[in-house]
Amino acid sequence: MSCRGPEGLSRSTVPQFVESIATTVRARSDSTDIEAAVLRAVARRSDSLALPDVLELRSLLDVDGEQADTLEERVATIISAIDGELAGWNRQEVTA
């Protein structure tokens, strides 16, 4: 795990990031994998997320986004889950 998290994704920019991803997903067909779209966007924003990190994140994410009322809420839920996983990785690196 070589990641440090999505640089430049401060709490103040999360709403714009969520809207940007939601807009991208809406522009595609209904069969768009939202988790994959969010992971792609987060990886593009991060200088430290390598492909193995993204693949590991994908396998670890357990998001119940179906309960969200809007696409934005689903995207925000996925981003929150990614953030939680990355925080766990960072804690592991500190203690190692």
N, C-alpha and C. Protein backbone atom coordinates (compact mmCIF):
# COMPACT_ATOMS: atom_id res chain seq x y z
N MET A 1 0.84 -1.17 0.00
CA MET A 1 0.00 0.00 0.00
C MET A 1 0.89 1.24 0.00
N SER A 2 0.92 1.87 -1.11
CA SER A 2 1.81 3.01 -1.24
C SER A 2 1.08 4.34 -1.26
N CYS A 3 -0.17 4.34 -0.92
CA CYS A 3 -0.94 5.58 -1.10
C CYS A 3 -0.95 6.44 0.14
N ARG A 4 -1.20 7.67 -0.07
CA ARG A 4 -1.34 8.64 1.00
C ARG A 4 -2.69 9.34 0.91
N GLY A 5 -3.49 9.00 -0.05
CA GLY A 5 -4.79 9.63 -0.19
C GLY A 5 -4.83 10.58 -1.36
N PRO A 6 -6.03 10.98 -1.74
CA PRO A 6 -6.17 11.87 -2.88
C PRO A 6 -5.76 13.29 -2.53
N GLU A 7 -4.60 13.68 -2.98
CA GLU A 7 -4.12 15.03 -2.71
C GLU A 7 -5.06 16.04 -3.34
N GLY A 8 -5.20 17.16 -2.69
CA GLY A 8 -6.02 18.23 -3.24
C GLY A 8 -7.51 18.03 -3.03
N LEU A 9 -7.89 16.99 -2.32
CA LEU A 9 -9.31 16.73 -2.09
C LEU A 9 -9.64 17.10 -0.65
N SER A 10 -9.65 18.39 -0.39
CA SER A 10 -9.96 18.88 0.95
C SER A 10 -11.47 18.81 1.16
N ARG A 11 -11.87 18.94 2.41
CA ARG A 11 -13.30 18.91 2.72
C ARG A 11 -14.08 19.99 1.97
N SER A 12 -13.44 21.11 1.67
CA SER A 12 -14.15 22.18 0.98
C SER A 12 -14.35 21.88 -0.51
N THR A 13 -13.53 20.99 -1.08
CA THR A 13 -13.68 20.68 -2.50
C THR A 13 -14.48 19.41 -2.75
N VAL A 14 -14.82 18.67 -1.69
CA VAL A 14 -15.56 17.42 -1.87
C VAL A 14 -16.89 17.64 -2.60
N PRO A 15 -17.70 18.65 -2.24
CA PRO A 15 -18.97 18.82 -2.97
C PRO A 15 -18.78 19.01 -4.49
N GLN A 16 -17.77 19.79 -4.89
CA GLN A 16 -17.53 19.98 -6.32
C GLN A 16 -17.06 18.68 -6.97
N PHE A 17 -16.24 17.93 -6.24
CA PHE A 17 -15.74 16.66 -6.74
C PHE A 17 -16.89 15.67 -6.92
N VAL A 18 -17.78 15.61 -5.93
CA VAL A 18 -18.96 14.73 -6.01
C VAL A 18 -19.81 15.12 -7.20
N GLU A 19 -20.07 16.40 -7.38
CA GLU A 19 -20.89 16.85 -8.51
C GLU A 19 -20.22 16.53 -9.85
N SER A 20 -18.92 16.71 -9.92
CA SER A 20 -18.19 16.41 -11.14
C SER A 20 -18.31 14.93 -11.52
N ILE A 21 -18.14 14.05 -10.53
CA ILE A 21 -18.26 12.61 -10.80
C ILE A 21 -19.70 12.27 -11.17
N ALA A 22 -20.66 12.82 -10.45
CA ALA A 22 -22.07 12.55 -10.74
C ALA A 22 -22.43 12.98 -12.16
N THR A 23 -21.92 14.12 -12.57
CA THR A 23 -22.16 14.60 -13.93
C THR A 23 -21.58 13.64 -14.96
N THR A 24 -20.38 13.16 -14.69
CA THR A 24 -19.73 12.20 -15.60
C THR A 24 -20.53 10.92 -15.69
N VAL A 25 -20.99 10.42 -14.55
CA VAL A 25 -21.75 9.17 -14.54
C VAL A 25 -23.08 9.35 -15.26
N ARG A 26 -23.74 10.49 -15.05
CA ARG A 26 -25.01 10.75 -15.74
C ARG A 26 -24.84 10.79 -17.25
N ALA A 27 -23.71 11.29 -17.72
CA ALA A 27 -23.47 11.42 -19.16
C ALA A 27 -23.28 10.06 -19.83
N ARG A 28 -22.97 9.06 -19.03
CA ARG A 28 -22.78 7.71 -19.56
C ARG A 28 -24.07 6.93 -19.42
N SER A 29 -24.04 5.70 -19.89
CA SER A 29 -25.25 4.87 -19.82
C SER A 29 -25.59 4.50 -18.39
N ASP A 30 -26.77 3.99 -18.17
CA ASP A 30 -27.23 3.59 -16.85
C ASP A 30 -26.42 2.42 -16.28
N SER A 31 -25.67 1.74 -17.12
CA SER A 31 -24.91 0.59 -16.66
C SER A 31 -23.54 0.96 -16.11
N THR A 32 -23.28 2.26 -15.97
CA THR A 32 -21.99 2.71 -15.45
C THR A 32 -21.79 2.20 -14.03
N ASP A 33 -20.63 1.61 -13.79
CA ASP A 33 -20.25 1.15 -12.46
C ASP A 33 -19.81 2.37 -11.67
N ILE A 34 -20.64 2.82 -10.76
CA ILE A 34 -20.38 4.06 -10.03
C ILE A 34 -19.12 3.94 -9.17
N GLU A 35 -18.93 2.80 -8.49
CA GLU A 35 -17.73 2.63 -7.69
C GLU A 35 -16.48 2.76 -8.55
N ALA A 36 -16.49 2.15 -9.72
CA ALA A 36 -15.34 2.24 -10.62
C ALA A 36 -15.11 3.67 -11.08
N ALA A 37 -16.18 4.39 -11.39
CA ALA A 37 -16.04 5.78 -11.83
C ALA A 37 -15.46 6.64 -10.73
N VAL A 38 -15.89 6.43 -9.50
CA VAL A 38 -15.37 7.21 -8.37
C VAL A 38 -13.90 6.86 -8.14
N LEU A 39 -13.58 5.58 -8.16
CA LEU A 39 -12.18 5.17 -7.96
C LEU A 39 -11.28 5.76 -9.03
N ARG A 40 -11.74 5.75 -10.28
CA ARG A 40 -10.96 6.35 -11.38
C ARG A 40 -10.71 7.82 -11.11
N ALA A 41 -11.74 8.53 -10.70
CA ALA A 41 -11.61 9.97 -10.45
C ALA A 41 -10.67 10.24 -9.28
N VAL A 42 -10.78 9.46 -8.22
CA VAL A 42 -9.89 9.63 -7.06
C VAL A 42 -8.45 9.32 -7.46
N ALA A 43 -8.25 8.26 -8.21
CA ALA A 43 -6.89 7.89 -8.64
C ALA A 43 -6.28 8.97 -9.53
N ARG A 44 -7.08 9.58 -10.38
CA ARG A 44 -6.57 10.66 -11.25
C ARG A 44 -6.13 11.87 -10.43
N ARG A 45 -6.81 12.12 -9.32
CA ARG A 45 -6.49 13.27 -8.48
C ARG A 45 -5.29 13.01 -7.57
N SER A 46 -4.93 11.75 -7.41
CA SER A 46 -3.89 11.40 -6.46
C SER A 46 -2.56 11.14 -7.17
N ASP A 47 -1.50 11.69 -6.61
CA ASP A 47 -0.17 11.41 -7.13
C ASP A 47 0.39 10.12 -6.55
N SER A 48 -0.23 9.62 -5.50
CA SER A 48 0.35 8.48 -4.80
C SER A 48 -0.45 7.18 -4.92
N LEU A 49 -1.61 7.20 -5.55
CA LEU A 49 -2.37 5.97 -5.75
C LEU A 49 -1.89 5.27 -7.01
N ALA A 50 -1.31 4.12 -6.83
CA ALA A 50 -0.86 3.32 -7.96
C ALA A 50 -1.96 2.32 -8.31
N LEU A 51 -1.85 1.70 -9.48
CA LEU A 51 -2.86 0.74 -9.92
C LEU A 51 -3.10 -0.36 -8.88
N PRO A 52 -2.06 -0.94 -8.28
CA PRO A 52 -2.33 -1.96 -7.25
C PRO A 52 -3.16 -1.41 -6.08
N ASP A 53 -2.94 -0.15 -5.73
CA ASP A 53 -3.73 0.47 -4.66
C ASP A 53 -5.19 0.58 -5.06
N VAL A 54 -5.43 1.01 -6.28
CA VAL A 54 -6.80 1.15 -6.78
C VAL A 54 -7.49 -0.21 -6.81
N LEU A 55 -6.78 -1.23 -7.27
CA LEU A 55 -7.36 -2.57 -7.32
C LEU A 55 -7.66 -3.10 -5.92
N GLU A 56 -6.76 -2.83 -4.98
CA GLU A 56 -7.00 -3.25 -3.61
C GLU A 56 -8.19 -2.50 -3.01
N LEU A 57 -8.25 -1.20 -3.25
CA LEU A 57 -9.39 -0.42 -2.77
C LEU A 57 -10.69 -0.99 -3.33
N ARG A 58 -10.68 -1.31 -4.59
CA ARG A 58 -11.88 -1.85 -5.25
C ARG A 58 -12.34 -3.13 -4.56
N SER A 59 -11.38 -3.98 -4.21
CA SER A 59 -11.74 -5.24 -3.57
C SER A 59 -12.21 -5.04 -2.12
N LEU A 60 -11.75 -3.98 -1.47
CA LEU A 60 -12.09 -3.74 -0.07
C LEU A 60 -13.38 -2.95 0.13
N LEU A 61 -13.77 -2.19 -0.88
CA LEU A 61 -14.94 -1.33 -0.71
C LEU A 61 -16.21 -2.17 -0.54
N ASP A 62 -16.94 -1.83 0.50
CA ASP A 62 -18.21 -2.47 0.77
C ASP A 62 -19.21 -1.35 1.03
N VAL A 63 -19.75 -0.83 -0.06
CA VAL A 63 -20.60 0.35 0.02
C VAL A 63 -22.02 -0.03 -0.35
N ASP A 64 -22.95 0.33 0.51
CA ASP A 64 -24.36 0.10 0.22
C ASP A 64 -24.95 1.40 -0.29
N GLY A 65 -24.57 1.76 -1.51
CA GLY A 65 -25.03 3.00 -2.10
C GLY A 65 -26.45 2.96 -2.60
N GLU A 66 -27.03 1.77 -2.62
CA GLU A 66 -28.40 1.63 -3.13
C GLU A 66 -29.41 2.35 -2.24
N GLN A 67 -29.05 2.59 -0.99
CA GLN A 67 -29.97 3.25 -0.07
C GLN A 67 -29.95 4.76 -0.22
N ALA A 68 -29.00 5.26 -0.97
CA ALA A 68 -28.91 6.71 -1.20
C ALA A 68 -30.03 7.14 -2.14
N ASP A 69 -30.57 8.32 -1.87
CA ASP A 69 -31.67 8.82 -2.68
C ASP A 69 -31.23 9.38 -4.02
N THR A 70 -30.03 9.97 -4.05
CA THR A 70 -29.58 10.60 -5.29
C THR A 70 -28.21 10.05 -5.69
N LEU A 71 -27.87 10.28 -6.93
CA LEU A 71 -26.56 9.87 -7.43
C LEU A 71 -25.46 10.57 -6.65
N GLU A 72 -25.65 11.84 -6.32
CA GLU A 72 -24.66 12.58 -5.55
C GLU A 72 -24.42 11.93 -4.19
N GLU A 73 -25.50 11.46 -3.55
CA GLU A 73 -25.37 10.80 -2.26
C GLU A 73 -24.61 9.49 -2.40
N ARG A 74 -24.87 8.75 -3.48
CA ARG A 74 -24.14 7.50 -3.72
C ARG A 74 -22.66 7.78 -3.91
N VAL A 75 -22.34 8.79 -4.72
CA VAL A 75 -20.94 9.15 -4.96
C VAL A 75 -20.29 9.58 -3.66
N ALA A 76 -20.97 10.41 -2.87
CA ALA A 76 -20.41 10.87 -1.60
C ALA A 76 -20.19 9.70 -0.65
N THR A 77 -21.08 8.73 -0.63
CA THR A 77 -20.94 7.54 0.21
C THR A 77 -19.70 6.74 -0.21
N ILE A 78 -19.49 6.59 -1.49
CA ILE A 78 -18.33 5.86 -1.99
C ILE A 78 -17.04 6.60 -1.66
N ILE A 79 -17.04 7.92 -1.85
CA ILE A 79 -15.85 8.72 -1.51
C ILE A 79 -15.56 8.59 -0.02
N SER A 80 -16.57 8.61 0.81
CA SER A 80 -16.38 8.46 2.25
C SER A 80 -15.78 7.10 2.58
N ALA A 81 -16.24 6.06 1.91
CA ALA A 81 -15.69 4.72 2.14
C ALA A 81 -14.24 4.64 1.70
N ILE A 82 -13.91 5.25 0.57
CA ILE A 82 -12.52 5.29 0.09
C ILE A 82 -11.67 6.03 1.11
N ASP A 83 -12.16 7.17 1.58
CA ASP A 83 -11.43 7.97 2.56
C ASP A 83 -11.17 7.16 3.83
N GLY A 84 -12.16 6.39 4.26
CA GLY A 84 -12.00 5.55 5.44
C GLY A 84 -10.94 4.48 5.25
N GLU A 85 -10.96 3.85 4.09
CA GLU A 85 -9.94 2.83 3.79
C GLU A 85 -8.55 3.44 3.76
N LEU A 86 -8.42 4.58 3.09
CA LEU A 86 -7.11 5.23 3.00
C LEU A 86 -6.61 5.67 4.37
N ALA A 87 -7.51 6.11 5.23
CA ALA A 87 -7.11 6.50 6.58
C ALA A 87 -6.57 5.29 7.34
N GLY A 88 -7.21 4.15 7.15
CA GLY A 88 -6.72 2.91 7.77
C GLY A 88 -5.35 2.53 7.25
N TRP A 89 -5.13 2.70 5.96
CA TRP A 89 -3.82 2.40 5.37
C TRP A 89 -2.76 3.32 5.97
N ASN A 90 -3.10 4.60 6.08
CA ASN A 90 -2.14 5.56 6.62
C ASN A 90 -1.80 5.26 8.07
N ARG A 91 -2.79 4.83 8.86
CA ARG A 91 -2.54 4.46 10.25
C ARG A 91 -1.61 3.25 10.32
N GLN A 92 -1.82 2.28 9.42
CA GLN A 92 -0.97 1.09 9.38
C GLN A 92 0.46 1.45 9.05
N GLU A 93 0.64 2.39 8.11
CA GLU A 93 1.99 2.80 7.72
C GLU A 93 2.70 3.51 8.86
N VAL A 94 1.96 4.29 9.65
CA VAL A 94 2.55 5.02 10.77
C VAL A 94 3.01 4.05 11.85
N THR A 95 2.21 3.03 12.11
CA THR A 95 2.57 2.08 13.17
C THR A 95 3.59 1.05 12.71
N ALA A 96 3.80 0.92 11.44
CA ALA A 96 4.75 -0.08 10.93
C ALA A 96 6.19 0.38 11.06
